Protein backbone atom coordinates (compact mmCIF):
# COMPACT_ATOMS: atom_id res chain seq x y z
CA MET A 1 78.07 96.45 82.66
CA SER A 2 78.88 94.01 85.45
CA ASP A 3 82.06 91.93 85.43
CA ILE A 4 81.37 88.74 87.40
CA ARG A 5 84.14 86.35 88.46
CA LEU A 6 84.30 83.55 91.01
CA GLY A 7 86.45 83.98 94.11
CA VAL A 8 87.54 81.00 96.23
CA ASP A 9 89.35 81.54 99.52
CA ILE A 10 91.30 78.52 100.81
CA GLY A 11 92.02 78.74 104.53
CA GLY A 12 93.41 76.48 107.20
CA THR A 13 89.95 75.80 108.65
CA GLY A 14 87.50 76.57 105.85
CA ILE A 15 87.22 76.95 102.07
CA LYS A 16 84.78 79.64 100.95
CA GLY A 17 83.63 80.82 97.55
CA ALA A 18 81.12 83.01 95.73
CA PRO A 19 80.68 84.91 92.47
CA VAL A 20 81.64 88.57 92.78
CA ASP A 21 80.76 91.68 90.78
CA VAL A 22 84.29 93.08 90.58
CA THR A 23 83.11 96.48 89.35
CA ARG A 24 81.50 97.04 92.77
CA GLY A 25 83.30 94.50 94.97
CA GLN A 26 80.07 92.78 95.98
CA LEU A 27 79.02 89.14 96.13
CA THR A 28 76.24 88.29 93.68
CA ALA A 29 75.19 85.08 95.45
CA GLU A 30 75.41 83.62 98.93
CA ARG A 31 78.83 82.41 99.96
CA ALA A 32 79.42 78.65 100.10
CA ARG A 33 81.66 77.41 102.92
CA ILE A 34 83.02 73.90 103.49
CA ASP A 35 85.48 72.83 106.18
CA THR A 36 89.06 72.37 105.03
CA PRO A 37 89.85 68.63 105.11
CA SER A 38 92.12 67.53 107.95
CA MET A 39 94.39 66.01 105.28
CA SER A 40 94.66 69.21 103.23
CA THR A 41 96.45 67.71 100.22
CA PRO A 42 95.98 69.26 96.77
CA ASP A 43 93.61 66.47 95.69
CA ASN A 44 91.46 66.80 98.82
CA VAL A 45 91.30 70.58 98.53
CA LEU A 46 90.45 70.26 94.83
CA ASP A 47 87.41 68.15 95.73
CA ILE A 48 86.11 71.00 97.92
CA VAL A 49 86.82 73.64 95.29
CA LYS A 50 84.97 71.54 92.71
CA ARG A 51 81.95 71.38 95.01
CA ILE A 52 81.94 75.16 95.39
CA VAL A 53 82.28 75.68 91.62
CA SER A 54 79.46 73.21 90.99
CA ARG A 55 77.22 74.76 93.65
CA HIS A 56 77.44 78.10 91.86
CA GLU A 57 77.17 76.47 88.39
CA TRP A 58 80.27 78.42 87.42
CA HIS A 59 82.05 78.35 84.03
CA GLY A 60 84.13 81.55 83.93
CA PRO A 61 87.37 82.97 85.38
CA VAL A 62 88.27 81.86 88.91
CA GLY A 63 90.57 83.44 91.46
CA VAL A 64 91.83 81.16 94.23
CA THR A 65 93.68 82.22 97.37
CA PHE A 66 96.18 80.08 99.25
CA PRO A 67 97.59 80.61 102.78
CA GLY A 68 101.23 80.79 101.78
CA VAL A 69 103.70 82.43 99.42
CA VAL A 70 102.66 81.99 95.77
CA LEU A 71 105.05 82.93 92.94
CA HIS A 72 103.63 82.82 89.41
CA GLY A 73 101.02 80.29 90.53
CA VAL A 74 103.52 78.00 92.27
CA VAL A 75 103.10 77.57 96.04
CA GLN A 76 106.32 78.12 97.97
CA THR A 77 105.22 77.80 101.62
CA ALA A 78 102.35 76.02 103.39
CA ALA A 79 102.64 76.62 107.13
CA ASN A 80 99.01 75.69 107.87
CA MET A 81 98.38 73.26 104.99
CA ASP A 82 99.72 69.87 103.88
CA LYS A 83 103.42 70.00 102.97
CA GLU A 84 102.60 68.45 99.59
CA TRP A 85 101.72 71.99 98.47
CA GLN A 86 105.30 73.22 98.70
CA GLY A 87 106.72 73.67 95.20
CA PHE A 88 103.33 72.73 93.72
CA ASP A 89 102.06 74.46 90.53
CA ALA A 90 98.60 75.30 91.85
CA ASP A 91 97.69 77.46 88.83
CA ALA A 92 98.19 74.60 86.38
CA PHE A 93 96.61 72.04 88.73
CA PHE A 94 93.35 73.93 89.24
CA THR A 95 93.17 75.15 85.62
CA ASP A 96 93.53 71.61 84.25
CA ALA A 97 91.19 70.03 86.81
CA LEU A 98 88.41 72.62 86.49
CA GLY A 99 88.76 73.23 82.75
CA MET A 100 88.67 77.00 83.16
CA SER A 101 91.10 79.86 83.74
CA VAL A 102 92.29 79.84 87.37
CA THR A 103 94.63 82.36 89.03
CA VAL A 104 96.14 81.42 92.40
CA MET A 105 97.48 84.05 94.81
CA ASN A 106 98.41 84.59 98.46
CA ASP A 107 95.30 84.88 100.62
CA ALA A 108 96.27 88.03 102.52
CA ASP A 109 97.30 89.75 99.28
CA ALA A 110 93.82 89.06 97.92
CA ALA A 111 92.17 90.37 101.09
CA GLY A 112 94.33 93.48 100.93
CA VAL A 113 93.39 94.14 97.31
CA ALA A 114 89.72 93.89 98.25
CA GLU A 115 90.12 96.45 101.03
CA MET A 116 92.24 98.83 98.96
CA ARG A 117 89.80 98.76 96.02
CA TYR A 118 86.47 98.52 97.76
CA GLY A 119 86.93 98.89 101.52
CA ALA A 120 88.88 100.49 104.34
CA GLY A 121 91.89 101.38 102.18
CA VAL A 122 90.08 103.31 99.45
CA GLY A 123 91.76 106.66 98.86
CA HIS A 124 94.73 105.99 101.15
CA ARG A 125 98.18 106.70 99.74
CA GLY A 126 101.65 106.02 101.10
CA VAL A 127 102.35 102.79 102.99
CA VAL A 128 99.29 100.75 103.98
CA VAL A 129 99.52 97.35 105.67
CA MET A 130 96.75 94.78 105.86
CA VAL A 131 97.00 91.96 108.41
CA THR A 132 94.61 89.02 108.64
CA LEU A 133 94.25 87.39 112.05
CA GLY A 134 92.81 83.91 111.80
CA THR A 135 94.27 80.40 111.74
CA GLY A 136 97.57 82.16 111.07
CA ILE A 137 98.60 85.75 110.41
CA GLY A 138 98.68 86.97 106.83
CA SER A 139 99.91 90.32 105.58
CA ALA A 140 99.67 92.53 102.52
CA LEU A 141 101.78 95.63 101.86
CA PHE A 142 100.81 98.51 99.57
CA MET A 143 102.69 101.60 98.45
CA ASP A 144 100.44 104.25 96.90
CA GLY A 145 97.88 101.54 96.26
CA VAL A 146 100.31 99.16 94.52
CA LEU A 147 100.66 95.69 96.04
CA VAL A 148 104.07 94.41 97.11
CA PRO A 149 103.19 90.69 96.99
CA ASN A 150 103.99 87.81 99.32
CA THR A 151 105.09 89.63 102.45
CA GLU A 152 105.28 87.30 105.44
CA PHE A 153 105.00 89.69 108.37
CA GLY A 154 103.02 87.08 110.28
CA HIS A 155 106.27 85.19 110.78
CA MET A 156 108.43 88.07 111.96
CA GLU A 157 109.97 87.80 115.39
CA VAL A 158 108.27 89.44 118.37
CA ASN A 159 110.06 89.01 121.71
CA GLY A 160 112.05 86.12 120.30
CA LYS A 161 108.99 84.21 119.06
CA ASP A 162 107.15 83.78 115.78
CA ALA A 163 104.35 86.39 115.76
CA GLU A 164 101.84 83.89 114.39
CA ARG A 165 102.37 81.63 117.40
CA GLN A 166 101.56 84.54 119.69
CA ALA A 167 98.91 86.70 118.05
CA SER A 168 96.84 84.61 115.62
CA GLY A 169 93.24 83.75 116.34
CA ARG A 170 94.31 80.15 116.75
CA ALA A 171 96.80 81.21 119.45
CA ARG A 172 94.00 82.91 121.39
CA GLU A 173 91.87 79.77 121.24
CA ARG A 174 94.77 77.45 122.03
CA GLU A 175 95.81 79.41 125.12
CA LYS A 176 92.21 80.25 126.12
CA LEU A 177 93.02 83.96 126.34
CA SER A 178 90.36 86.49 127.27
CA TRP A 179 89.78 89.20 124.66
CA ARG A 180 91.57 91.72 126.87
CA GLU A 181 94.57 89.39 127.26
CA TYR A 182 94.54 88.75 123.54
CA SER A 183 94.39 92.49 122.78
CA LYS A 184 97.84 92.82 124.39
CA ARG A 185 99.19 90.23 121.95
CA ILE A 186 97.67 92.11 119.00
CA GLU A 187 99.01 95.43 120.29
CA GLU A 188 102.52 94.06 120.71
CA TYR A 189 102.46 92.65 117.19
CA LEU A 190 101.07 95.78 115.56
CA ARG A 191 103.54 98.00 117.43
CA ARG A 192 106.40 95.91 116.08
CA LEU A 193 104.97 96.14 112.57
CA ASP A 194 104.51 99.89 112.97
CA ALA A 195 108.11 100.36 114.14
CA LEU A 196 109.44 98.52 111.08
CA LEU A 197 107.27 100.06 108.36
CA TRP A 198 105.79 103.33 109.70
CA PRO A 199 102.57 102.81 107.74
CA GLU A 200 99.95 105.50 107.33
CA LEU A 201 97.22 102.92 107.97
CA ILE A 202 96.95 99.38 109.32
CA ILE A 203 93.88 97.40 108.24
CA VAL A 204 92.95 94.37 110.32
CA GLY A 205 90.92 91.58 108.73
CA GLY A 206 90.47 87.83 109.08
CA GLY A 207 88.15 85.97 111.43
CA VAL A 208 89.19 87.99 114.48
CA SER A 209 88.03 91.22 112.81
CA LYS A 210 84.41 90.14 113.29
CA GLU A 211 84.97 90.46 117.06
CA SER A 212 86.75 93.83 116.93
CA ALA A 213 84.38 95.40 119.47
CA LYS A 214 85.89 93.07 122.08
CA TRP A 215 89.54 94.09 121.62
CA LEU A 216 90.02 97.15 119.40
CA GLY A 217 89.37 99.68 122.16
CA TYR A 218 92.28 98.38 124.23
CA LEU A 219 94.94 98.99 121.56
CA LYS A 220 97.47 101.80 121.71
CA VAL A 221 99.40 101.93 118.42
CA ARG A 222 100.85 104.98 116.65
CA ALA A 223 99.41 104.18 113.21
CA PRO A 224 95.66 104.49 112.68
CA ILE A 225 93.91 101.12 112.71
CA ALA A 226 90.88 100.31 110.57
CA ILE A 227 88.82 97.13 110.61
CA ALA A 228 88.39 95.53 107.20
CA VAL A 229 85.03 96.52 105.71
CA HIS A 230 84.63 93.11 104.09
CA GLN A 231 86.00 91.21 107.10
CA ASN A 232 86.04 87.47 106.32
CA LEU A 233 84.72 88.01 102.76
CA ALA A 234 87.74 90.07 101.70
CA GLY A 235 89.67 87.02 100.45
CA ILE A 236 86.80 85.96 98.18
CA ILE A 237 86.35 89.46 96.78
CA GLY A 238 90.07 90.02 96.22
CA ALA A 239 90.50 86.61 94.61
CA ALA A 240 87.74 87.42 92.14
CA ALA A 241 89.23 90.85 91.45
CA LEU A 242 92.62 89.27 90.63
CA ALA A 243 91.22 86.39 88.55
CA GLY A 244 92.72 86.44 85.09
CA THR A 245 95.72 88.56 86.10
CA THR A 246 99.37 87.50 86.08
CA ARG A 247 100.65 86.88 89.61
């Protein structure tokens, strides 16, 4: 029997959502995507989430990702979103506004769960790290398949600078880097991550993963690197998989 839940992935540039069969990790309808409002306050983001819920005529459990640290449904950081989110009880806000059970979690954690359950991480034990390269850099850490939530490896220091400022997809666009130039930034970041954690696998997802043919071949990193199977859909799938759980 199928278990269908709605996953909504809130990002710095877009908000995406779709119902997901969480027994198989597959979308059951076409993804809806709407640009994130320039004023990304909770009320403005809620309007977009409502539109996605309405478009899918949804009335069941919902999992929602957020690009920041989320503890028990309360947002702690919002580097790429409106500062009004900091200290904001997103679980209660969305649950009350939508009138259905909503679970809010870190976006990279959700993407990592999707890849560990249904994608590139299936069957891998030991330390596995997922990084998402997009508007920012998200990370998810797993030990023997168990999530260690809310890691912020995107903000670790690389050569005296915040890694996100150097190696995110936004950084590539901002500095107009060629893919080969950008691959050096990714390599430097992943080597630093590898030296700190010695993972058995690094999974790369986020928007940049869709262009992996343009940069992956240039990388020289000790740990094996896999591209996320679900790429930019991983957040939606992981959010649905974690809907109804305690975060």
